mmCIF file of all heavy atoms, coordinates in Angstrom:
data_MODEL
# 
_entry.id   MODEL 
# 
loop_
_atom_site.group_PDB 
_atom_site.id 
_atom_site.type_symbol 
_atom_site.label_atom_id 
_atom_site.label_alt_id 
_atom_site.label_comp_id 
_atom_site.label_asym_id 
_atom_site.label_entity_id 
_atom_site.label_seq_id 
_atom_site.pdbx_PDB_ins_code 
_atom_site.Cartn_x 
_atom_site.Cartn_y 
_atom_site.Cartn_z 
_atom_site.occupancy 
_atom_site.B_iso_or_equiv 
_atom_site.pdbx_formal_charge 
_atom_site.auth_seq_id 
_atom_site.auth_comp_id 
_atom_site.auth_asym_id 
_atom_site.auth_atom_id 
_atom_site.pdbx_PDB_model_num 
ATOM 1   N N   . PRO A 1 1  ? 105.140 352.693 39.345 1.00 0.00 ? 1  PRO A N   1 
ATOM 2   C CA  . PRO A 1 1  ? 106.528 352.163 39.361 1.00 0.00 ? 1  PRO A CA  1 
ATOM 3   C C   . PRO A 1 1  ? 106.621 350.794 38.688 1.00 0.00 ? 1  PRO A C   1 
ATOM 4   O O   . PRO A 1 1  ? 107.646 350.572 38.036 1.00 0.00 ? 1  PRO A O   1 
ATOM 5   C CB  . PRO A 1 1  ? 106.820 352.146 40.904 1.00 0.00 ? 1  PRO A CB  1 
ATOM 6   C CG  . PRO A 1 1  ? 106.046 353.243 41.463 1.00 0.00 ? 1  PRO A CG  1 
ATOM 7   C CD  . PRO A 1 1  ? 104.773 353.264 40.633 1.00 0.00 ? 1  PRO A CD  1 
ATOM 8   N N   . GLU A 1 2  ? 105.648 349.903 38.860 1.00 0.00 ? 2  GLU A N   1 
ATOM 9   C CA  . GLU A 1 2  ? 105.712 348.580 38.362 1.00 0.00 ? 2  GLU A CA  1 
ATOM 10  C C   . GLU A 1 2  ? 105.958 348.560 36.798 1.00 0.00 ? 2  GLU A C   1 
ATOM 11  O O   . GLU A 1 2  ? 106.743 347.885 36.279 1.00 0.00 ? 2  GLU A O   1 
ATOM 12  C CB  . GLU A 1 2  ? 104.394 347.830 38.681 1.00 0.00 ? 2  GLU A CB  1 
ATOM 13  C CG  . GLU A 1 2  ? 104.344 346.412 38.310 1.00 0.00 ? 2  GLU A CG  1 
ATOM 14  C CD  . GLU A 1 2  ? 105.142 345.529 39.307 1.00 0.00 ? 2  GLU A CD  1 
ATOM 15  O OE1 . GLU A 1 2  ? 105.254 345.838 40.487 1.00 0.00 ? 2  GLU A OE1 1 
ATOM 16  O OE2 . GLU A 1 2  ? 105.701 344.472 38.769 1.00 0.00 ? 2  GLU A OE2 1 
ATOM 17  N N   . GLN A 1 3  ? 105.191 349.493 36.142 1.00 0.00 ? 3  GLN A N   1 
ATOM 18  C CA  . GLN A 1 3  ? 105.325 349.625 34.721 1.00 0.00 ? 3  GLN A CA  1 
ATOM 19  C C   . GLN A 1 3  ? 106.736 350.125 34.284 1.00 0.00 ? 3  GLN A C   1 
ATOM 20  O O   . GLN A 1 3  ? 107.338 349.581 33.376 1.00 0.00 ? 3  GLN A O   1 
ATOM 21  C CB  . GLN A 1 3  ? 104.354 350.695 34.148 1.00 0.00 ? 3  GLN A CB  1 
ATOM 22  C CG  . GLN A 1 3  ? 102.909 350.435 34.180 1.00 0.00 ? 3  GLN A CG  1 
ATOM 23  C CD  . GLN A 1 3  ? 102.165 351.733 33.817 1.00 0.00 ? 3  GLN A CD  1 
ATOM 24  O OE1 . GLN A 1 3  ? 102.158 352.720 34.489 1.00 0.00 ? 3  GLN A OE1 1 
ATOM 25  N NE2 . GLN A 1 3  ? 101.475 351.654 32.680 1.00 0.00 ? 3  GLN A NE2 1 
ATOM 26  N N   . VAL A 1 4  ? 107.198 351.152 34.978 1.00 0.00 ? 4  VAL A N   1 
ATOM 27  C CA  . VAL A 1 4  ? 108.513 351.726 34.699 1.00 0.00 ? 4  VAL A CA  1 
ATOM 28  C C   . VAL A 1 4  ? 109.587 350.597 34.944 1.00 0.00 ? 4  VAL A C   1 
ATOM 29  O O   . VAL A 1 4  ? 110.536 350.520 34.075 1.00 0.00 ? 4  VAL A O   1 
ATOM 30  C CB  . VAL A 1 4  ? 108.782 352.946 35.596 1.00 0.00 ? 4  VAL A CB  1 
ATOM 31  C CG1 . VAL A 1 4  ? 110.132 353.515 35.389 1.00 0.00 ? 4  VAL A CG1 1 
ATOM 32  C CG2 . VAL A 1 4  ? 107.740 354.027 35.266 1.00 0.00 ? 4  VAL A CG2 1 
ATOM 33  N N   . ILE A 1 5  ? 109.587 349.863 36.022 1.00 0.00 ? 5  ILE A N   1 
ATOM 34  C CA  . ILE A 1 5  ? 110.565 348.914 36.336 1.00 0.00 ? 5  ILE A CA  1 
ATOM 35  C C   . ILE A 1 5  ? 110.668 347.870 35.279 1.00 0.00 ? 5  ILE A C   1 
ATOM 36  O O   . ILE A 1 5  ? 111.694 347.466 34.778 1.00 0.00 ? 5  ILE A O   1 
ATOM 37  C CB  . ILE A 1 5  ? 110.299 348.287 37.679 1.00 0.00 ? 5  ILE A CB  1 
ATOM 38  C CG1 . ILE A 1 5  ? 110.479 349.326 38.815 1.00 0.00 ? 5  ILE A CG1 1 
ATOM 39  C CG2 . ILE A 1 5  ? 111.081 347.024 37.973 1.00 0.00 ? 5  ILE A CG2 1 
ATOM 40  C CD1 . ILE A 1 5  ? 109.816 348.937 40.158 1.00 0.00 ? 5  ILE A CD1 1 
ATOM 41  N N   . LYS A 1 6  ? 109.485 347.430 34.805 1.00 0.00 ? 6  LYS A N   1 
ATOM 42  C CA  . LYS A 1 6  ? 109.408 346.457 33.702 1.00 0.00 ? 6  LYS A CA  1 
ATOM 43  C C   . LYS A 1 6  ? 109.975 346.959 32.428 1.00 0.00 ? 6  LYS A C   1 
ATOM 44  O O   . LYS A 1 6  ? 110.808 346.377 31.790 1.00 0.00 ? 6  LYS A O   1 
ATOM 45  C CB  . LYS A 1 6  ? 107.959 346.042 33.523 1.00 0.00 ? 6  LYS A CB  1 
ATOM 46  C CG  . LYS A 1 6  ? 107.739 344.766 32.688 1.00 0.00 ? 6  LYS A CG  1 
ATOM 47  C CD  . LYS A 1 6  ? 106.290 344.357 32.709 1.00 0.00 ? 6  LYS A CD  1 
ATOM 48  C CE  . LYS A 1 6  ? 106.159 342.967 32.090 1.00 0.00 ? 6  LYS A CE  1 
ATOM 49  N NZ  . LYS A 1 6  ? 104.976 342.270 32.441 1.00 0.00 ? 6  LYS A NZ  1 
ATOM 50  N N   . LYS A 1 7  ? 109.597 348.222 32.038 1.00 0.00 ? 7  LYS A N   1 
ATOM 51  C CA  . LYS A 1 7  ? 110.029 348.834 30.814 1.00 0.00 ? 7  LYS A CA  1 
ATOM 52  C C   . LYS A 1 7  ? 111.584 349.151 30.933 1.00 0.00 ? 7  LYS A C   1 
ATOM 53  O O   . LYS A 1 7  ? 112.274 349.169 29.882 1.00 0.00 ? 7  LYS A O   1 
ATOM 54  C CB  . LYS A 1 7  ? 109.290 350.102 30.439 1.00 0.00 ? 7  LYS A CB  1 
ATOM 55  C CG  . LYS A 1 7  ? 107.925 349.855 29.934 1.00 0.00 ? 7  LYS A CG  1 
ATOM 56  C CD  . LYS A 1 7  ? 107.228 351.182 29.733 1.00 0.00 ? 7  LYS A CD  1 
ATOM 57  C CE  . LYS A 1 7  ? 107.720 351.840 28.411 1.00 0.00 ? 7  LYS A CE  1 
ATOM 58  N NZ  . LYS A 1 7  ? 106.970 353.039 28.016 1.00 0.00 ? 7  LYS A NZ  1 
ATOM 59  N N   . ALA A 1 8  ? 112.049 349.372 32.152 1.00 0.00 ? 8  ALA A N   1 
ATOM 60  C CA  . ALA A 1 8  ? 113.488 349.720 32.315 1.00 0.00 ? 8  ALA A CA  1 
ATOM 61  C C   . ALA A 1 8  ? 114.323 348.416 32.359 1.00 0.00 ? 8  ALA A C   1 
ATOM 62  O O   . ALA A 1 8  ? 115.555 348.511 32.397 1.00 0.00 ? 8  ALA A O   1 
ATOM 63  C CB  . ALA A 1 8  ? 113.610 350.431 33.647 1.00 0.00 ? 8  ALA A CB  1 
ATOM 64  N N   . GLN A 1 9  ? 113.710 347.274 32.315 1.00 0.00 ? 9  GLN A N   1 
ATOM 65  C CA  . GLN A 1 9  ? 114.396 345.987 32.359 1.00 0.00 ? 9  GLN A CA  1 
ATOM 66  C C   . GLN A 1 9  ? 115.238 345.807 33.670 1.00 0.00 ? 9  GLN A C   1 
ATOM 67  O O   . GLN A 1 9  ? 116.373 345.396 33.599 1.00 0.00 ? 9  GLN A O   1 
ATOM 68  C CB  . GLN A 1 9  ? 115.250 345.800 31.115 1.00 0.00 ? 9  GLN A CB  1 
ATOM 69  C CG  . GLN A 1 9  ? 114.645 345.956 29.826 1.00 0.00 ? 9  GLN A CG  1 
ATOM 70  C CD  . GLN A 1 9  ? 113.950 344.673 29.383 1.00 0.00 ? 9  GLN A CD  1 
ATOM 71  O OE1 . GLN A 1 9  ? 114.599 343.617 29.413 1.00 0.00 ? 9  GLN A OE1 1 
ATOM 72  N NE2 . GLN A 1 9  ? 112.717 344.700 28.958 1.00 0.00 ? 9  GLN A NE2 1 
ATOM 73  N N   . ILE A 1 10 ? 114.605 346.274 34.764 1.00 0.00 ? 10 ILE A N   1 
ATOM 74  C CA  . ILE A 1 10 ? 115.343 346.166 36.035 1.00 0.00 ? 10 ILE A CA  1 
ATOM 75  C C   . ILE A 1 10 ? 114.599 345.060 36.892 1.00 0.00 ? 10 ILE A C   1 
ATOM 76  O O   . ILE A 1 10 ? 113.345 344.940 36.777 1.00 0.00 ? 10 ILE A O   1 
ATOM 77  C CB  . ILE A 1 10 ? 115.244 347.521 36.780 1.00 0.00 ? 10 ILE A CB  1 
ATOM 78  C CG1 . ILE A 1 10 ? 116.131 348.563 36.035 1.00 0.00 ? 10 ILE A CG1 1 
ATOM 79  C CG2 . ILE A 1 10 ? 115.706 347.390 38.260 1.00 0.00 ? 10 ILE A CG2 1 
ATOM 80  C CD1 . ILE A 1 10 ? 116.005 349.972 36.572 1.00 0.00 ? 10 ILE A CD1 1 
ATOM 81  N N   . ASP A 1 11 ? 115.380 344.329 37.685 1.00 0.00 ? 11 ASP A N   1 
ATOM 82  C CA  . ASP A 1 11 ? 114.814 343.285 38.500 1.00 0.00 ? 11 ASP A CA  1 
ATOM 83  C C   . ASP A 1 11 ? 113.677 343.988 39.352 1.00 0.00 ? 11 ASP A C   1 
ATOM 84  O O   . ASP A 1 11 ? 113.844 345.062 39.889 1.00 0.00 ? 11 ASP A O   1 
ATOM 85  C CB  . ASP A 1 11 ? 115.858 342.744 39.365 1.00 0.00 ? 11 ASP A CB  1 
ATOM 86  C CG  . ASP A 1 11 ? 115.359 341.770 40.426 1.00 0.00 ? 11 ASP A CG  1 
ATOM 87  O OD1 . ASP A 1 11 ? 114.963 340.689 40.029 1.00 0.00 ? 11 ASP A OD1 1 
ATOM 88  O OD2 . ASP A 1 11 ? 115.216 342.216 41.630 1.00 0.00 ? 11 ASP A OD2 1 
ATOM 89  N N   . ARG A 1 12 ? 112.575 343.285 39.377 1.00 0.00 ? 12 ARG A N   1 
ATOM 90  C CA  . ARG A 1 12 ? 111.368 343.883 40.125 1.00 0.00 ? 12 ARG A CA  1 
ATOM 91  C C   . ARG A 1 12 ? 111.651 344.297 41.571 1.00 0.00 ? 12 ARG A C   1 
ATOM 92  O O   . ARG A 1 12 ? 111.280 345.422 41.967 1.00 0.00 ? 12 ARG A O   1 
ATOM 93  C CB  . ARG A 1 12 ? 110.234 342.755 40.084 1.00 0.00 ? 12 ARG A CB  1 
ATOM 94  C CG  . ARG A 1 12 ? 108.871 343.234 40.464 1.00 0.00 ? 12 ARG A CG  1 
ATOM 95  C CD  . ARG A 1 12 ? 107.831 342.237 40.174 1.00 0.00 ? 12 ARG A CD  1 
ATOM 96  N NE  . ARG A 1 12 ? 106.582 342.714 40.802 1.00 0.00 ? 12 ARG A NE  1 
ATOM 97  C CZ  . ARG A 1 12 ? 106.218 342.364 42.025 1.00 0.00 ? 12 ARG A CZ  1 
ATOM 98  N NH1 . ARG A 1 12 ? 106.935 341.549 42.726 1.00 0.00 ? 12 ARG A NH1 1 
ATOM 99  N NH2 . ARG A 1 12 ? 105.094 342.813 42.531 1.00 0.00 ? 12 ARG A NH2 1 
ATOM 100 N N   . THR A 1 13 ? 112.250 343.399 42.345 1.00 0.00 ? 13 THR A N   1 
ATOM 101 C CA  . THR A 1 13 ? 112.513 343.650 43.736 1.00 0.00 ? 13 THR A CA  1 
ATOM 102 C C   . THR A 1 13 ? 113.432 344.897 43.868 1.00 0.00 ? 13 THR A C   1 
ATOM 103 O O   . THR A 1 13 ? 113.154 345.805 44.616 1.00 0.00 ? 13 THR A O   1 
ATOM 104 C CB  . THR A 1 13 ? 113.119 342.458 44.474 1.00 0.00 ? 13 THR A CB  1 
ATOM 105 O OG1 . THR A 1 13 ? 112.142 341.377 44.283 1.00 0.00 ? 13 THR A OG1 1 
ATOM 106 C CG2 . THR A 1 13 ? 113.265 342.700 45.979 1.00 0.00 ? 13 THR A CG2 1 
ATOM 107 N N   . TYR A 1 14 ? 114.525 344.904 43.119 1.00 0.00 ? 14 TYR A N   1 
ATOM 108 C CA  . TYR A 1 14 ? 115.522 345.904 43.161 1.00 0.00 ? 14 TYR A CA  1 
ATOM 109 C C   . TYR A 1 14 ? 114.776 347.243 42.690 1.00 0.00 ? 14 TYR A C   1 
ATOM 110 O O   . TYR A 1 14 ? 114.994 348.284 43.322 1.00 0.00 ? 14 TYR A O   1 
ATOM 111 C CB  . TYR A 1 14 ? 116.648 345.603 42.206 1.00 0.00 ? 14 TYR A CB  1 
ATOM 112 C CG  . TYR A 1 14 ? 117.777 346.606 42.254 1.00 0.00 ? 14 TYR A CG  1 
ATOM 113 C CD1 . TYR A 1 14 ? 118.654 346.718 43.354 1.00 0.00 ? 14 TYR A CD1 1 
ATOM 114 C CD2 . TYR A 1 14 ? 117.935 347.520 41.182 1.00 0.00 ? 14 TYR A CD2 1 
ATOM 115 C CE1 . TYR A 1 14 ? 119.593 347.650 43.343 1.00 0.00 ? 14 TYR A CE1 1 
ATOM 116 C CE2 . TYR A 1 14 ? 118.962 348.447 41.210 1.00 0.00 ? 14 TYR A CE2 1 
ATOM 117 C CZ  . TYR A 1 14 ? 119.788 348.498 42.221 1.00 0.00 ? 14 TYR A CZ  1 
ATOM 118 O OH  . TYR A 1 14 ? 120.772 349.447 42.248 1.00 0.00 ? 14 TYR A OH  1 
ATOM 119 N N   . GLY A 1 15 ? 114.040 347.195 41.672 1.00 0.00 ? 15 GLY A N   1 
ATOM 120 C CA  . GLY A 1 15 ? 113.304 348.361 41.178 1.00 0.00 ? 15 GLY A CA  1 
ATOM 121 C C   . GLY A 1 15 ? 112.465 348.997 42.223 1.00 0.00 ? 15 GLY A C   1 
ATOM 122 O O   . GLY A 1 15 ? 112.472 350.161 42.421 1.00 0.00 ? 15 GLY A O   1 
ATOM 123 N N   . HIS A 1 16 ? 111.708 348.206 42.935 1.00 0.00 ? 16 HIS A N   1 
ATOM 124 C CA  . HIS A 1 16 ? 110.887 348.689 44.057 1.00 0.00 ? 16 HIS A CA  1 
ATOM 125 C C   . HIS A 1 16 ? 111.682 349.333 45.193 1.00 0.00 ? 16 HIS A C   1 
ATOM 126 O O   . HIS A 1 16 ? 111.250 350.306 45.776 1.00 0.00 ? 16 HIS A O   1 
ATOM 127 C CB  . HIS A 1 16 ? 109.852 347.587 44.602 1.00 0.00 ? 16 HIS A CB  1 
ATOM 128 C CG  . HIS A 1 16 ? 108.720 347.378 43.639 1.00 0.00 ? 16 HIS A CG  1 
ATOM 129 N ND1 . HIS A 1 16 ? 107.711 348.293 43.436 1.00 0.00 ? 16 HIS A ND1 1 
ATOM 130 C CD2 . HIS A 1 16 ? 108.461 346.373 42.777 1.00 0.00 ? 16 HIS A CD2 1 
ATOM 131 C CE1 . HIS A 1 16 ? 106.890 347.884 42.490 1.00 0.00 ? 16 HIS A CE1 1 
ATOM 132 N NE2 . HIS A 1 16 ? 107.313 346.649 42.110 1.00 0.00 ? 16 HIS A NE2 1 
ATOM 133 N N   . GLN A 1 17 ? 112.829 348.705 45.424 1.00 0.00 ? 17 GLN A N   1 
ATOM 134 C CA  . GLN A 1 17 ? 113.741 349.270 46.529 1.00 0.00 ? 17 GLN A CA  1 
ATOM 135 C C   . GLN A 1 17 ? 114.183 350.685 45.980 1.00 0.00 ? 17 GLN A C   1 
ATOM 136 O O   . GLN A 1 17 ? 114.389 351.639 46.887 1.00 0.00 ? 17 GLN A O   1 
ATOM 137 C CB  . GLN A 1 17 ? 114.912 348.327 46.715 1.00 0.00 ? 17 GLN A CB  1 
ATOM 138 C CG  . GLN A 1 17 ? 114.476 347.090 47.354 1.00 0.00 ? 17 GLN A CG  1 
ATOM 139 C CD  . GLN A 1 17 ? 115.661 346.041 47.447 1.00 0.00 ? 17 GLN A CD  1 
ATOM 140 O OE1 . GLN A 1 17 ? 116.629 346.113 46.651 1.00 0.00 ? 17 GLN A OE1 1 
ATOM 141 N NE2 . GLN A 1 17 ? 115.551 345.102 48.385 1.00 0.00 ? 17 GLN A NE2 1 
ATOM 142 N N   . LEU A 1 18 ? 114.410 350.901 44.739 1.00 0.00 ? 18 LEU A N   1 
ATOM 143 C CA  . LEU A 1 18 ? 114.841 352.229 44.221 1.00 0.00 ? 18 LEU A CA  1 
ATOM 144 C C   . LEU A 1 18 ? 113.646 353.232 44.403 1.00 0.00 ? 18 LEU A C   1 
ATOM 145 O O   . LEU A 1 18 ? 113.908 354.355 44.857 1.00 0.00 ? 18 LEU A O   1 
ATOM 146 C CB  . LEU A 1 18 ? 115.180 352.157 42.730 1.00 0.00 ? 18 LEU A CB  1 
ATOM 147 C CG  . LEU A 1 18 ? 116.390 351.254 42.354 1.00 0.00 ? 18 LEU A CG  1 
ATOM 148 C CD1 . LEU A 1 18 ? 116.602 351.194 40.883 1.00 0.00 ? 18 LEU A CD1 1 
ATOM 149 C CD2 . LEU A 1 18 ? 117.648 351.696 43.069 1.00 0.00 ? 18 LEU A CD2 1 
ATOM 150 N N   . PHE A 1 19 ? 112.469 352.753 44.100 1.00 0.00 ? 19 PHE A N   1 
ATOM 151 C CA  . PHE A 1 19 ? 111.279 353.655 44.253 1.00 0.00 ? 19 PHE A CA  1 
ATOM 152 C C   . PHE A 1 19 ? 110.955 353.964 45.683 1.00 0.00 ? 19 PHE A C   1 
ATOM 153 O O   . PHE A 1 19 ? 110.405 355.022 46.014 1.00 0.00 ? 19 PHE A O   1 
ATOM 154 C CB  . PHE A 1 19 ? 110.034 353.174 43.499 1.00 0.00 ? 19 PHE A CB  1 
ATOM 155 C CG  . PHE A 1 19 ? 110.099 353.505 42.080 1.00 0.00 ? 19 PHE A CG  1 
ATOM 156 C CD1 . PHE A 1 19 ? 110.576 352.668 41.098 1.00 0.00 ? 19 PHE A CD1 1 
ATOM 157 C CD2 . PHE A 1 19 ? 109.546 354.745 41.656 1.00 0.00 ? 19 PHE A CD2 1 
ATOM 158 C CE1 . PHE A 1 19 ? 110.628 353.014 39.780 1.00 0.00 ? 19 PHE A CE1 1 
ATOM 159 C CE2 . PHE A 1 19 ? 109.587 355.113 40.289 1.00 0.00 ? 19 PHE A CE2 1 
ATOM 160 C CZ  . PHE A 1 19 ? 110.120 354.191 39.406 1.00 0.00 ? 19 PHE A CZ  1 
ATOM 161 N N   . ASN A 1 20 ? 111.209 353.033 46.622 1.00 0.00 ? 20 ASN A N   1 
ATOM 162 C CA  . ASN A 1 20 ? 110.863 353.313 48.014 1.00 0.00 ? 20 ASN A CA  1 
ATOM 163 C C   . ASN A 1 20 ? 112.066 353.804 48.861 1.00 0.00 ? 20 ASN A C   1 
ATOM 164 O O   . ASN A 1 20 ? 111.948 354.138 50.040 1.00 0.00 ? 20 ASN A O   1 
ATOM 165 C CB  . ASN A 1 20 ? 110.195 352.110 48.771 1.00 0.00 ? 20 ASN A CB  1 
ATOM 166 C CG  . ASN A 1 20 ? 111.109 350.887 48.936 1.00 0.00 ? 20 ASN A CG  1 
ATOM 167 O OD1 . ASN A 1 20 ? 112.397 351.084 49.122 1.00 0.00 ? 20 ASN A OD1 1 
ATOM 168 N ND2 . ASN A 1 20 ? 110.595 349.773 48.963 1.00 0.00 ? 20 ASN A ND2 1 
ATOM 169 N N   . GLY A 1 21 ? 113.252 354.067 48.141 1.00 0.00 ? 21 GLY A N   1 
ATOM 170 C CA  . GLY A 1 21 ? 114.325 354.730 48.798 1.00 0.00 ? 21 GLY A CA  1 
ATOM 171 C C   . GLY A 1 21 ? 115.231 353.848 49.619 1.00 0.00 ? 21 GLY A C   1 
ATOM 172 O O   . GLY A 1 21 ? 116.134 354.345 50.267 1.00 0.00 ? 21 GLY A O   1 
ATOM 173 N N   . THR A 1 22 ? 115.022 352.465 49.586 1.00 0.00 ? 22 THR A N   1 
ATOM 174 C CA  . THR A 1 22 ? 115.905 351.562 50.423 1.00 0.00 ? 22 THR A CA  1 
ATOM 175 C C   . THR A 1 22 ? 117.211 351.273 49.644 1.00 0.00 ? 22 THR A C   1 
ATOM 176 O O   . THR A 1 22 ? 118.097 350.821 50.227 1.00 0.00 ? 22 THR A O   1 
ATOM 177 C CB  . THR A 1 22 ? 115.157 350.297 50.822 1.00 0.00 ? 22 THR A CB  1 
ATOM 178 O OG1 . THR A 1 22 ? 114.736 349.610 49.671 1.00 0.00 ? 22 THR A OG1 1 
ATOM 179 C CG2 . THR A 1 22 ? 114.019 350.585 51.738 1.00 0.00 ? 22 THR A CG2 1 
ATOM 180 N N   . ARG A 1 23 ? 117.246 351.503 48.354 1.00 0.00 ? 23 ARG A N   1 
ATOM 181 C CA  . ARG A 1 23 ? 118.503 351.316 47.578 1.00 0.00 ? 23 ARG A CA  1 
ATOM 182 C C   . ARG A 1 23 ? 118.711 352.596 46.787 1.00 0.00 ? 23 ARG A C   1 
ATOM 183 O O   . ARG A 1 23 ? 117.772 353.284 46.446 1.00 0.00 ? 23 ARG A O   1 
ATOM 184 C CB  . ARG A 1 23 ? 118.313 350.113 46.556 1.00 0.00 ? 23 ARG A CB  1 
ATOM 185 C CG  . ARG A 1 23 ? 118.109 348.814 47.147 1.00 0.00 ? 23 ARG A CG  1 
ATOM 186 C CD  . ARG A 1 23 ? 119.434 348.208 47.803 1.00 0.00 ? 23 ARG A CD  1 
ATOM 187 N NE  . ARG A 1 23 ? 120.441 347.850 46.908 1.00 0.00 ? 23 ARG A NE  1 
ATOM 188 C CZ  . ARG A 1 23 ? 120.516 346.591 46.312 1.00 0.00 ? 23 ARG A CZ  1 
ATOM 189 N NH1 . ARG A 1 23 ? 119.651 345.650 46.596 1.00 0.00 ? 23 ARG A NH1 1 
ATOM 190 N NH2 . ARG A 1 23 ? 121.529 346.348 45.531 1.00 0.00 ? 23 ARG A NH2 1 
ATOM 191 N N   . VAL A 1 24 ? 120.003 352.879 46.569 1.00 0.00 ? 24 VAL A N   1 
ATOM 192 C CA  . VAL A 1 24 ? 120.428 354.069 45.856 1.00 0.00 ? 24 VAL A CA  1 
ATOM 193 C C   . VAL A 1 24 ? 120.822 353.665 44.430 1.00 0.00 ? 24 VAL A C   1 
ATOM 194 O O   . VAL A 1 24 ? 121.694 352.743 44.286 1.00 0.00 ? 24 VAL A O   1 
ATOM 195 C CB  . VAL A 1 24 ? 121.654 354.756 46.497 1.00 0.00 ? 24 VAL A CB  1 
ATOM 196 C CG1 . VAL A 1 24 ? 122.022 356.018 45.727 1.00 0.00 ? 24 VAL A CG1 1 
ATOM 197 C CG2 . VAL A 1 24 ? 121.312 355.140 47.960 1.00 0.00 ? 24 VAL A CG2 1 
ATOM 198 N N   . PRO A 1 25 ? 120.142 354.176 43.425 1.00 0.00 ? 25 PRO A N   1 
ATOM 199 C CA  . PRO A 1 25 ? 120.425 353.722 42.070 1.00 0.00 ? 25 PRO A CA  1 
ATOM 200 C C   . PRO A 1 25 ? 121.806 354.200 41.496 1.00 0.00 ? 25 PRO A C   1 
ATOM 201 O O   . PRO A 1 25 ? 122.225 355.275 41.865 1.00 0.00 ? 25 PRO A O   1 
ATOM 202 C CB  . PRO A 1 25 ? 119.311 354.394 41.174 1.00 0.00 ? 25 PRO A CB  1 
ATOM 203 C CG  . PRO A 1 25 ? 118.872 355.578 42.002 1.00 0.00 ? 25 PRO A CG  1 
ATOM 204 C CD  . PRO A 1 25 ? 119.163 355.167 43.418 1.00 0.00 ? 25 PRO A CD  1 
ATOM 205 N N   . SER A 1 26 ? 122.444 353.335 40.720 1.00 0.00 ? 26 SER A N   1 
ATOM 206 C CA  . SER A 1 26 ? 123.667 353.703 40.095 1.00 0.00 ? 26 SER A CA  1 
ATOM 207 C C   . SER A 1 26 ? 123.288 354.568 38.922 1.00 0.00 ? 26 SER A C   1 
ATOM 208 O O   . SER A 1 26 ? 122.111 354.707 38.562 1.00 0.00 ? 26 SER A O   1 
ATOM 209 C CB  . SER A 1 26 ? 124.307 352.426 39.561 1.00 0.00 ? 26 SER A CB  1 
ATOM 210 O OG  . SER A 1 26 ? 123.494 351.891 38.533 1.00 0.00 ? 26 SER A OG  1 
ATOM 211 N N   . ARG A 1 27 ? 124.320 355.186 38.233 1.00 0.00 ? 27 ARG A N   1 
ATOM 212 C CA  . ARG A 1 27 ? 124.078 356.064 37.092 1.00 0.00 ? 27 ARG A CA  1 
ATOM 213 C C   . ARG A 1 27 ? 123.280 355.274 36.030 1.00 0.00 ? 27 ARG A C   1 
ATOM 214 O O   . ARG A 1 27 ? 122.379 355.715 35.387 1.00 0.00 ? 27 ARG A O   1 
ATOM 215 C CB  . ARG A 1 27 ? 125.381 356.594 36.558 1.00 0.00 ? 27 ARG A CB  1 
ATOM 216 C CG  . ARG A 1 27 ? 125.179 357.572 35.408 1.00 0.00 ? 27 ARG A CG  1 
ATOM 217 C CD  . ARG A 1 27 ? 126.626 358.083 35.021 1.00 0.00 ? 27 ARG A CD  1 
ATOM 218 N NE  . ARG A 1 27 ? 126.556 359.194 34.054 1.00 0.00 ? 27 ARG A NE  1 
ATOM 219 C CZ  . ARG A 1 27 ? 126.905 358.955 32.799 1.00 0.00 ? 27 ARG A CZ  1 
ATOM 220 N NH1 . ARG A 1 27 ? 127.287 357.682 32.366 1.00 0.00 ? 27 ARG A NH1 1 
ATOM 221 N NH2 . ARG A 1 27 ? 126.847 359.935 31.885 1.00 0.00 ? 27 ARG A NH2 1 
ATOM 222 N N   . ASP A 1 28 ? 123.755 353.992 35.724 1.00 0.00 ? 28 ASP A N   1 
ATOM 223 C CA  . ASP A 1 28 ? 123.154 353.143 34.723 1.00 0.00 ? 28 ASP A CA  1 
ATOM 224 C C   . ASP A 1 28 ? 121.689 352.849 35.086 1.00 0.00 ? 28 ASP A C   1 
ATOM 225 O O   . ASP A 1 28 ? 120.807 352.817 34.172 1.00 0.00 ? 28 ASP A O   1 
ATOM 226 C CB  . ASP A 1 28 ? 123.906 351.887 34.515 1.00 0.00 ? 28 ASP A CB  1 
ATOM 227 C CG  . ASP A 1 28 ? 125.089 352.042 33.538 1.00 0.00 ? 28 ASP A CG  1 
ATOM 228 O OD1 . ASP A 1 28 ? 125.378 353.131 33.142 1.00 0.00 ? 28 ASP A OD1 1 
ATOM 229 O OD2 . ASP A 1 28 ? 125.717 350.932 33.265 1.00 0.00 ? 28 ASP A OD2 1 
# 
């Protein structure tokens, strides 16, 4: 996930929340 979050240009903390299911990602 760390690599993907970085390549996706998403804030690190927010990205990890998407991967662990604590945040729901928007379409973008």
